[in-house]
Amino acid sequence: MYLEPRPRIAWPSPHLRELQDAVRALLGLDDDTAVIIRQLICGEVVHPPLETVVKVLPMDGEAHRWTLHRPAEEITENELRATLLDRRPS
C-alpha cells in the first residue's frame, strides 16, 4: 500500500528537509529532538508575505523558536547558520 497525499495537500519540499537537516547539524541535536520548519503568511506590512519559522522541541528542556522574514526556498544554509547561532531564540 502506497501512501499518497490527500488532494490539495502538498508533500514538504526537499528544501525544507535540507533546512531541517542543517538545523540538526548546526545545533548538534539528537534524534529525540523535534525540528519543525513551517512557512507562514506574515500579516505585517513591513515584512514579506511569507516568513519561515524554525522550532526546536527537545524531549527534555526548553523549546526554541526563530523567525526568518523570507520564504523557506530563499533561505541559504549560511543565513540559517547566522540566524541560529547569532540571534537568541524567541
Protein backbone atom coordinates (compact mmCIF):
# COMPACT_ATOMS: atom_id res chain seq x y z
CA MET A 1 0.00 0.00 0.00
CA TYR A 2 1.41 3.35 -1.06
CA LEU A 3 0.71 6.48 0.90
CA GLU A 4 -0.32 9.43 -1.19
CA PRO A 5 -1.17 12.96 -0.10
CA ARG A 6 -4.77 13.94 0.10
CA PRO A 7 -5.98 16.21 -2.72
CA ARG A 8 -4.64 19.76 -2.32
CA ILE A 9 -2.12 18.65 0.32
CA ALA A 10 1.46 19.02 -0.90
CA TRP A 11 4.39 16.99 0.33
CA PRO A 12 7.06 19.07 2.07
CA SER A 13 9.62 20.48 -0.33
CA PRO A 14 13.09 18.93 -0.49
CA HIS A 15 14.50 22.33 0.53
CA LEU A 16 12.57 22.20 3.83
CA ARG A 17 14.14 18.80 4.53
CA GLU A 18 17.59 20.24 3.76
CA LEU A 19 16.97 23.14 6.15
CA GLN A 20 15.78 20.73 8.83
CA ASP A 21 18.94 18.63 8.43
CA ALA A 22 21.07 21.79 8.56
CA VAL A 23 19.38 22.89 11.82
CA ARG A 24 20.11 19.47 13.32
CA ALA A 25 23.77 19.63 12.28
CA LEU A 26 24.34 23.26 13.30
CA LEU A 27 22.85 22.80 16.76
CA GLY A 28 24.17 19.26 17.30
CA LEU A 29 20.69 17.89 18.01
CA ASP A 30 19.94 14.27 18.84
CA ASP A 31 17.23 12.16 17.23
CA ASP A 32 14.87 12.73 20.17
CA THR A 33 14.69 16.47 19.45
CA ALA A 34 11.99 17.57 17.02
CA VAL A 35 12.81 20.19 14.39
CA ILE A 36 9.81 21.83 12.77
CA ILE A 37 10.08 24.29 9.89
CA ARG A 38 6.96 25.99 8.61
CA GLN A 39 6.17 28.79 6.22
CA LEU A 40 3.54 31.19 7.49
CA ILE A 41 1.75 34.13 5.97
CA CYS A 42 3.05 37.26 7.62
CA GLY A 43 0.40 39.86 8.37
CA GLU A 44 2.83 42.73 8.90
CA VAL A 45 3.25 45.21 6.04
CA VAL A 46 6.96 45.77 6.71
CA HIS A 47 7.82 42.07 6.12
CA PRO A 48 7.48 39.88 3.02
CA PRO A 49 4.19 37.99 2.68
CA LEU A 50 5.83 34.69 3.70
CA GLU A 51 8.02 34.07 6.73
CA THR A 52 9.75 30.90 7.85
CA VAL A 53 9.55 29.71 11.44
CA VAL A 54 12.07 27.24 12.86
CA LYS A 55 11.14 25.45 16.09
CA VAL A 56 13.34 23.11 18.09
CA LEU A 57 11.50 20.96 20.63
CA PRO A 58 13.73 18.79 22.82
CA MET A 59 12.25 15.91 24.81
CA ASP A 60 13.74 17.38 27.98
CA GLY A 61 14.27 21.10 28.13
CA GLU A 62 13.07 24.35 26.73
CA ALA A 63 11.64 24.81 23.24
CA HIS A 64 13.26 27.41 20.96
CA ARG A 65 11.85 29.39 18.04
CA TRP A 66 13.40 31.57 15.35
CA THR A 67 11.63 33.58 12.64
CA LEU A 68 13.23 34.41 9.31
CA HIS A 69 11.35 37.04 7.33
CA ARG A 70 11.62 35.36 3.95
CA PRO A 71 10.24 32.28 2.20
CA ALA A 72 11.96 28.99 3.04
CA GLU A 73 13.04 28.46 -0.57
CA GLU A 74 15.17 31.64 -0.37
CA ILE A 75 16.97 30.73 2.86
CA THR A 76 20.56 29.58 2.46
CA GLU A 77 22.50 27.44 4.90
CA ASN A 78 24.76 30.43 5.68
CA GLU A 79 21.75 32.58 6.52
CA LEU A 80 20.33 29.80 8.68
CA ARG A 81 23.67 29.45 10.48
CA ALA A 82 23.81 33.19 11.18
CA THR A 83 20.25 33.20 12.49
CA LEU A 84 20.57 30.16 14.75
CA LEU A 85 23.98 30.96 16.15
CA ASP A 86 23.89 34.78 16.32
CA ARG A 87 20.32 35.51 17.43
CA ARG A 88 18.71 34.33 20.62
CA PRO A 89 15.62 32.20 20.04
CA SER A 90 12.26 33.72 20.93
